[in-house]
């Protein structure tokens, strides 16, 4: 919707795509790969590799996510 509104009205927009965020306070059983790896390692279990193990992922620490969002929301100087 934002992109359509931008195209129709030429109003600037900003978009943040949040993915694979990790950090303090994560629930051990939230189902995300980072918490799964940590729980398995702490329990001395084999770490689960999904698929063939050839895929890549990017991870973002929660403090860096918040910093990035704040910078995105700040007005840009003309």
PDB file of N, CA and C in Angstrom:
ATOM      1  N   UNK A   1       0.814  -1.181   0.000  1.00  0.00           N
ATOM      2  CA  UNK A   1       0.000   0.000   0.000  1.00  0.00           C
ATOM      3  C   UNK A   1       0.865   1.255   0.000  1.00  0.00           C
ATOM      4  N   UNK A   2       1.930   1.226   0.793  1.00  0.00           N
ATOM      5  CA  UNK A   2       2.784   2.409   0.852  1.00  0.00           C
ATOM      6  C   UNK A   2       3.399   2.716  -0.510  1.00  0.00           C
ATOM      7  N   UNK A   3       3.857   1.678  -1.186  1.00  0.00           N
ATOM      8  CA  UNK A   3       4.474   1.900  -2.497  1.00  0.00           C
ATOM      9  C   UNK A   3       3.452   2.431  -3.499  1.00  0.00           C
ATOM     10  N   UNK A   4       2.237   1.916  -3.461  1.00  0.00           N
ATOM     11  CA  UNK A   4       1.191   2.423  -4.353  1.00  0.00           C
ATOM     12  C   UNK A   4       0.868   3.887  -4.040  1.00  0.00           C
ATOM     13  N   UNK A   5       0.759   4.211  -2.770  1.00  0.00           N
ATOM     14  CA  UNK A   5       0.475   5.591  -2.371  1.00  0.00           C
ATOM     15  C   UNK A   5       1.603   6.513  -2.834  1.00  0.00           C
ATOM     16  N   UNK A   6       2.840   6.048  -2.682  1.00  0.00           N
ATOM     17  CA  UNK A   6       3.998   6.812  -3.141  1.00  0.00           C
ATOM     18  C   UNK A   6       3.926   7.054  -4.652  1.00  0.00           C
ATOM     19  N   UNK A   7       3.627   6.007  -5.397  1.00  0.00           N
ATOM     20  CA  UNK A   7       3.555   6.142  -6.857  1.00  0.00           C
ATOM     21  C   UNK A   7       2.430   7.085  -7.284  1.00  0.00           C
ATOM     22  N   UNK A   8       1.310   7.023  -6.602  1.00  0.00           N
ATOM     23  CA  UNK A   8       0.164   7.843  -7.001  1.00  0.00           C
ATOM     24  C   UNK A   8       0.293   9.298  -6.576  1.00  0.00           C
ATOM     25  N   UNK A   9       0.942   9.539  -5.433  1.00  0.00           N
ATOM     26  CA  UNK A   9       0.953  10.888  -4.869  1.00  0.00           C
ATOM     27  C   UNK A   9       2.349  11.491  -4.739  1.00  0.00           C
ATOM     28  N   UNK A  10       3.367  10.766  -5.181  1.00  0.00           N
ATOM     29  CA  UNK A  10       4.758  11.252  -5.117  1.00  0.00           C
ATOM     30  C   UNK A  10       5.170  11.665  -3.707  1.00  0.00           C
ATOM     31  N   UNK A  11       4.647  10.987  -2.718  1.00  0.00           N
ATOM     32  CA  UNK A  11       5.007  11.252  -1.330  1.00  0.00           C
ATOM     33  C   UNK A  11       6.142  10.309  -0.950  1.00  0.00           C
ATOM     34  N   UNK A  12       7.218  10.853  -0.372  1.00  0.00           N
ATOM     35  CA  UNK A  12       8.342   9.984  -0.015  1.00  0.00           C
ATOM     36  C   UNK A  12       7.956   9.000   1.092  1.00  0.00           C
ATOM     37  N   UNK A  13       8.453   7.804   0.980  1.00  0.00           N
ATOM     38  CA  UNK A  13       8.222   6.780   1.996  1.00  0.00           C
ATOM     39  C   UNK A  13       9.552   6.158   2.377  1.00  0.00           C
ATOM     40  N   UNK A  14       9.573   5.483   3.509  1.00  0.00           N
ATOM     41  CA  UNK A  14      10.734   4.717   3.949  1.00  0.00           C
ATOM     42  C   UNK A  14      10.223   3.347   4.372  1.00  0.00           C
ATOM     43  N   UNK A  15      10.984   2.321   4.040  1.00  0.00           N
ATOM     44  CA  UNK A  15      10.570   0.953   4.349  1.00  0.00           C
ATOM     45  C   UNK A  15      11.707   0.249   5.076  1.00  0.00           C
ATOM     46  N   UNK A  16      11.390  -0.430   6.147  1.00  0.00           N
ATOM     47  CA  UNK A  16      12.362  -1.252   6.869  1.00  0.00           C
ATOM     48  C   UNK A  16      11.903  -2.706   6.796  1.00  0.00           C
ATOM     49  N   UNK A  17      12.809  -3.562   6.399  1.00  0.00           N
ATOM     50  CA  UNK A  17      12.514  -4.999   6.356  1.00  0.00           C
ATOM     51  C   UNK A  17      13.265  -5.645   7.511  1.00  0.00           C
ATOM     52  N   UNK A  18      12.532  -6.066   8.507  1.00  0.00           N
ATOM     53  CA  UNK A  18      13.127  -6.629   9.717  1.00  0.00           C
ATOM     54  C   UNK A  18      13.185  -8.148   9.571  1.00  0.00           C
ATOM     55  N   UNK A  19      14.337  -8.711   9.840  1.00  0.00           N
ATOM     56  CA  UNK A  19      14.502 -10.151   9.689  1.00  0.00           C
ATOM     57  C   UNK A  19      15.571 -10.668  10.638  1.00  0.00           C
ATOM     58  N   UNK A  20      15.422 -11.879  11.091  1.00  0.00           N
ATOM     59  CA  UNK A  20      16.417 -12.597  11.891  1.00  0.00           C
ATOM     60  C   UNK A  20      17.083 -11.737  12.963  1.00  0.00           C
ATOM     61  N   UNK A  21      16.262 -11.073  13.770  1.00  0.00           N
ATOM     62  CA  UNK A  21      16.775 -10.260  14.859  1.00  0.00           C
ATOM     63  C   UNK A  21      16.968 -11.151  16.087  1.00  0.00           C
ATOM     64  N   UNK A  22      18.057 -10.904  16.816  1.00  0.00           N
ATOM     65  CA  UNK A  22      18.321 -11.687  18.020  1.00  0.00           C
ATOM     66  C   UNK A  22      18.842 -10.757  19.105  1.00  0.00           C
ATOM     67  N   UNK A  23      18.773 -11.227  20.351  1.00  0.00           N
ATOM     68  CA  UNK A  23      19.301 -10.446  21.458  1.00  0.00           C
ATOM     69  C   UNK A  23      18.706 -10.893  22.774  1.00  0.00           C
ATOM     70  N   UNK A  24      18.998 -10.143  23.829  1.00  0.00           N
ATOM     71  CA  UNK A  24      18.527 -10.498  25.167  1.00  0.00           C
ATOM     72  C   UNK A  24      17.001 -10.572  25.215  1.00  0.00           C
ATOM     73  N   UNK A  25      16.502 -11.446  26.039  1.00  0.00           N
ATOM     74  CA  UNK A  25      15.063 -11.560  26.242  1.00  0.00           C
ATOM     75  C   UNK A  25      14.361 -12.459  25.248  1.00  0.00           C
ATOM     76  N   UNK A  26      15.128 -13.084  24.363  1.00  0.00           N
ATOM     77  CA  UNK A  26      14.495 -14.001  23.412  1.00  0.00           C
ATOM     78  C   UNK A  26      13.940 -15.202  24.178  1.00  0.00           C
ATOM     79  N   UNK A  27      12.779 -15.630  23.785  1.00  0.00           N
ATOM     80  CA  UNK A  27      12.214 -16.833  24.399  1.00  0.00           C
ATOM     81  C   UNK A  27      12.943 -18.041  23.825  1.00  0.00           C
ATOM     82  N   UNK A  28      13.374 -18.966  24.675  1.00  0.00           N
ATOM     83  CA  UNK A  28      14.148 -20.117  24.189  1.00  0.00           C
ATOM     84  C   UNK A  28      13.418 -20.958  23.143  1.00  0.00           C
ATOM     85  N   UNK A  29      12.112 -20.953  23.179  1.00  0.00           N
ATOM     86  CA  UNK A  29      11.352 -21.791  22.247  1.00  0.00           C
ATOM     87  C   UNK A  29      10.554 -20.972  21.244  1.00  0.00           C
ATOM     88  N   UNK A  30      11.115 -19.846  20.805  1.00  0.00           N
ATOM     89  CA  UNK A  30      10.366 -19.007  19.863  1.00  0.00           C
ATOM     90  C   UNK A  30      10.432 -19.529  18.432  1.00  0.00           C
ATOM     91  N   UNK A  31      11.264 -20.534  18.191  1.00  0.00           N
ATOM     92  CA  UNK A  31      11.300 -21.165  16.883  1.00  0.00           C
ATOM     93  C   UNK A  31      12.259 -20.533  15.891  1.00  0.00           C
ATOM     94  N   UNK A  32      12.961 -19.483  16.303  1.00  0.00           N
ATOM     95  CA  UNK A  32      13.919 -18.857  15.391  1.00  0.00           C
ATOM     96  C   UNK A  32      15.260 -19.589  15.463  1.00  0.00           C
ATOM     97  N   UNK A  33      16.010 -19.487  14.400  1.00  0.00           N
ATOM     98  CA  UNK A  33      17.231 -20.275  14.281  1.00  0.00           C
ATOM     99  C   UNK A  33      18.260 -19.931  15.362  1.00  0.00           C
ATOM    100  N   UNK A  34      18.412 -18.673  15.720  1.00  0.00           N
ATOM    101  CA  UNK A  34      19.410 -18.302  16.728  1.00  0.00           C
ATOM    102  C   UNK A  34      19.076 -18.925  18.070  1.00  0.00           C
ATOM    103  N   UNK A  35      17.832 -18.783  18.510  1.00  0.00           N
ATOM    104  CA  UNK A  35      17.466 -19.375  19.802  1.00  0.00           C
ATOM    105  C   UNK A  35      17.547 -20.900  19.743  1.00  0.00           C
ATOM    106  N   UNK A  36      17.186 -21.488  18.606  1.00  0.00           N
ATOM    107  CA  UNK A  36      17.317 -22.948  18.467  1.00  0.00           C
ATOM    108  C   UNK A  36      18.771 -23.379  18.614  1.00  0.00           C
ATOM    109  N   UNK A  37      19.691 -22.690  17.953  1.00  0.00           N
ATOM    110  CA  UNK A  37      21.111 -23.030  18.046  1.00  0.00           C
ATOM    111  C   UNK A  37      21.611 -22.901  19.482  1.00  0.00           C
ATOM    112  N   UNK A  38      21.251 -21.812  20.145  1.00  0.00           N
ATOM    113  CA  UNK A  38      21.733 -21.569  21.502  1.00  0.00           C
ATOM    114  C   UNK A  38      21.201 -22.627  22.456  1.00  0.00           C
ATOM    115  N   UNK A  39      19.915 -22.909  22.389  1.00  0.00           N
ATOM    116  CA  UNK A  39      19.320 -23.922  23.282  1.00  0.00           C
ATOM    117  C   UNK A  39      19.964 -25.279  23.036  1.00  0.00           C
ATOM    118  N   UNK A  40      20.133 -25.656  21.779  1.00  0.00           N
ATOM    119  CA  UNK A  40      20.746 -26.947  21.472  1.00  0.00           C
ATOM    120  C   UNK A  40      22.190 -27.004  21.971  1.00  0.00           C
ATOM    121  N   UNK A  41      22.936 -25.930  21.802  1.00  0.00           N
ATOM    122  CA  UNK A  41      24.324 -25.906  22.269  1.00  0.00           C
ATOM    123  C   UNK A  41      24.384 -25.996  23.795  1.00  0.00           C
ATOM    124  N   UNK A  42      23.527 -25.251  24.490  1.00  0.00           N
ATOM    125  CA  UNK A  42      23.521 -25.290  25.958  1.00  0.00           C
ATOM    126  C   UNK A  42      23.119 -26.655  26.503  1.00  0.00           C
ATOM    127  N   UNK A  43      22.313 -27.367  25.737  1.00  0.00           N
ATOM    128  CA  UNK A  43      21.873 -28.698  26.161  1.00  0.00           C
ATOM    129  C   UNK A  43      22.775 -29.796  25.597  1.00  0.00           C
ATOM    130  N   UNK A  44      23.909 -29.383  25.030  1.00  0.00           N
ATOM    131  CA  UNK A  44      24.882 -30.313  24.468  1.00  0.00           C
ATOM    132  C   UNK A  44      24.259 -31.238  23.423  1.00  0.00           C
ATOM    133  N   UNK A  45      23.345 -30.693  22.642  1.00  0.00           N
ATOM    134  CA  UNK A  45      22.698 -31.452  21.571  1.00  0.00           C
ATOM    135  C   UNK A  45      23.337 -31.092  20.234  1.00  0.00           C
ATOM    136  N   UNK A  46      23.125 -31.952  19.254  1.00  0.00           N
ATOM    137  CA  UNK A  46      23.550 -31.605  17.904  1.00  0.00           C
ATOM    138  C   UNK A  46      22.742 -30.398  17.438  1.00  0.00           C
ATOM    139  N   UNK A  47      23.411 -29.511  16.712  1.00  0.00           N
ATOM    140  CA  UNK A  47      22.733 -28.327  16.181  1.00  0.00           C
ATOM    141  C   UNK A  47      22.027 -28.716  14.889  1.00  0.00           C
ATOM    142  N   UNK A  48      20.758 -28.360  14.813  1.00  0.00           N
ATOM    143  CA  UNK A  48      19.946 -28.693  13.643  1.00  0.00           C
ATOM    144  C   UNK A  48      20.323 -27.810  12.463  1.00  0.00           C
ATOM    145  N   UNK A  49      20.602 -28.436  11.347  1.00  0.00           N
ATOM    146  CA  UNK A  49      20.836 -27.727  10.090  1.00  0.00           C
ATOM    147  C   UNK A  49      19.630 -28.001   9.207  1.00  0.00           C
ATOM    148  N   UNK A  50      18.975 -26.957   8.753  1.00  0.00           N
ATOM    149  CA  UNK A  50      17.775 -27.101   7.948  1.00  0.00           C
ATOM    150  C   UNK A  50      18.132 -27.206   6.473  1.00  0.00           C
ATOM    151  N   UNK A  51      17.378 -27.979   5.735  1.00  0.00           N
ATOM    152  CA  UNK A  51      17.647 -28.163   4.308  1.00  0.00           C
ATOM    153  C   UNK A  51      18.967 -28.885   4.117  1.00  0.00           C
ATOM    154  N   UNK A  52      19.693 -28.478   3.094  1.00  0.00           N
ATOM    155  CA  UNK A  52      20.982 -29.096   2.806  1.00  0.00           C
ATOM    156  C   UNK A  52      22.142 -28.358   3.471  1.00  0.00           C
ATOM    157  N   UNK A  53      21.833 -27.277   4.179  1.00  0.00           N
ATOM    158  CA  UNK A  53      22.865 -26.516   4.864  1.00  0.00           C
ATOM    159  C   UNK A  53      23.617 -25.555   3.970  1.00  0.00           C
ATOM    160  N   UNK A  54      23.124 -25.325   2.752  1.00  0.00           N
ATOM    161  CA  UNK A  54      23.809 -24.437   1.808  1.00  0.00           C
ATOM    162  C   UNK A  54      23.223 -23.028   1.802  1.00  0.00           C
ATOM    163  N   UNK A  55      22.071 -22.844   2.432  1.00  0.00           N
ATOM    164  CA  UNK A  55      21.442 -21.527   2.425  1.00  0.00           C
ATOM    165  C   UNK A  55      22.221 -20.579   3.339  1.00  0.00           C
ATOM    166  N   UNK A  56      22.076 -19.292   3.088  1.00  0.00           N
ATOM    167  CA  UNK A  56      22.704 -18.275   3.922  1.00  0.00           C
ATOM    168  C   UNK A  56      21.616 -17.418   4.558  1.00  0.00           C
ATOM    169  N   UNK A  57      21.962 -16.820   5.677  1.00  0.00           N
ATOM    170  CA  UNK A  57      21.043 -15.913   6.364  1.00  0.00           C
ATOM    171  C   UNK A  57      21.841 -14.739   6.898  1.00  0.00           C
ATOM    172  N   UNK A  58      21.151 -13.638   7.072  1.00  0.00           N
ATOM    173  CA  UNK A  58      21.740 -12.472   7.715  1.00  0.00           C
ATOM    174  C   UNK A  58      21.070 -12.314   9.066  1.00  0.00           C
ATOM    175  N   UNK A  59      21.853 -11.966  10.068  1.00  0.00           N
ATOM    176  CA  UNK A  59      21.332 -11.791  11.414  1.00  0.00           C
ATOM    177  C   UNK A  59      21.607 -10.373  11.884  1.00  0.00           C
ATOM    178  N   UNK A  60      20.707  -9.855  12.710  1.00  0.00           N
ATOM    179  CA  UNK A  60      20.826  -8.482  13.181  1.00  0.00           C
ATOM    180  C   UNK A  60      20.583  -8.437  14.684  1.00  0.00           C
ATOM    181  N   UNK A  61      21.556  -7.927  15.432  1.00  0.00           N
ATOM    182  CA  UNK A  61      21.402  -7.779  16.872  1.00  0.00           C
ATOM    183  C   UNK A  61      20.367  -6.688  17.147  1.00  0.00           C
ATOM    184  N   UNK A  62      19.552  -6.885  18.149  1.00  0.00           N
ATOM    185  CA  UNK A  62      18.409  -6.007  18.410  1.00  0.00           C
ATOM    186  C   UNK A  62      18.810  -4.543  18.587  1.00  0.00           C
ATOM    187  N   UNK A  63      19.947  -4.272  19.246  1.00  0.00           N
ATOM    188  CA  UNK A  63      20.385  -2.879  19.418  1.00  0.00           C
ATOM    189  C   UNK A  63      20.673  -2.216  18.072  1.00  0.00           C
ATOM    190  N   UNK A  64      21.247  -2.977  17.147  1.00  0.00           N
ATOM    191  CA  UNK A  64      21.536  -2.433  15.822  1.00  0.00           C
ATOM    192  C   UNK A  64      20.241  -2.205  15.032  1.00  0.00           C
ATOM    193  N   UNK A  65      19.263  -3.088  15.239  1.00  0.00           N
ATOM    194  CA  UNK A  65      17.963  -2.898  14.586  1.00  0.00           C
ATOM    195  C   UNK A  65      17.320  -1.596  15.061  1.00  0.00           C
ATOM    196  N   UNK A  66      17.310  -1.383  16.370  1.00  0.00           N
ATOM    197  CA  UNK A  66      16.701  -0.169  16.922  1.00  0.00           C
ATOM    198  C   UNK A  66      17.436   1.064  16.417  1.00  0.00           C
ATOM    199  N   UNK A  67      18.774   1.027  16.409  1.00  0.00           N
ATOM    200  CA  UNK A  67      19.553   2.156  15.899  1.00  0.00           C
ATOM    201  C   UNK A  67      19.206   2.434  14.436  1.00  0.00           C
ATOM    202  N   UNK A  68      19.110   1.385  13.641  1.00  0.00           N
ATOM    203  CA  UNK A  68      18.773   1.553  12.231  1.00  0.00           C
ATOM    204  C   UNK A  68      17.387   2.147  12.033  1.00  0.00           C
ATOM    205  N   UNK A  69      16.417   1.699  12.833  1.00  0.00           N
ATOM    206  CA  UNK A  69      15.059   2.236  12.723  1.00  0.00           C
ATOM    207  C   UNK A  69      15.013   3.716  13.119  1.00  0.00           C
ATOM    208  N   UNK A  70      15.726   4.065  14.182  1.00  0.00           N
ATOM    209  CA  UNK A  70      15.761   5.472  14.608  1.00  0.00           C
ATOM    210  C   UNK A  70      16.370   6.336  13.511  1.00  0.00           C
ATOM    211  N   UNK A  71      17.457   5.859  12.905  1.00  0.00           N
ATOM    212  CA  UNK A  71      18.084   6.622  11.818  1.00  0.00           C
ATOM    213  C   UNK A  71      17.147   6.744  10.613  1.00  0.00           C
ATOM    214  N   UNK A  72      16.399   5.685  10.342  1.00  0.00           N
ATOM    215  CA  UNK A  72      15.460   5.712   9.233  1.00  0.00           C
ATOM    216  C   UNK A  72      14.354   6.722   9.472  1.00  0.00           C
ATOM    217  N   UNK A  73      13.877   6.814  10.708  1.00  0.00           N
ATOM    218  CA  UNK A  73      12.768   7.706  11.032  1.00  0.00           C
ATOM    219  C   UNK A  73      13.172   9.176  11.097  1.00  0.00           C
ATOM    220  N   UNK A  74      14.462   9.443  11.333  1.00  0.00           N
ATOM    221  CA  UNK A  74      14.900  10.840  11.431  1.00  0.00           C
ATOM    222  C   UNK A  74      14.747  11.512  10.071  1.00  0.00           C
ATOM    223  N   UNK A  75      14.280  12.753  10.067  1.00  0.00           N
ATOM    224  CA  UNK A  75      14.179  13.481   8.797  1.00  0.00           C
ATOM    225  C   UNK A  75      15.570  13.680   8.209  1.00  0.00           C
ATOM    226  N   UNK A  76      15.648  13.618   6.902  1.00  0.00           N
ATOM    227  CA  UNK A  76      16.931  13.838   6.240  1.00  0.00           C
ATOM    228  C   UNK A  76      17.118  15.316   5.966  1.00  0.00           C
ATOM    229  N   UNK A  77      18.343  15.772   6.120  1.00  0.00           N
ATOM    230  CA  UNK A  77      18.637  17.174   5.853  1.00  0.00           C
ATOM    231  C   UNK A  77      18.492  17.464   4.363  1.00  0.00           C
ATOM    232  N   UNK A  78      17.979  18.628   4.032  1.00  0.00           N
ATOM    233  CA  UNK A  78      17.809  18.972   2.601  1.00  0.00           C
ATOM    234  C   UNK A  78      19.126  19.167   1.902  1.00  0.00           C
TER     235      UNK A  78
END
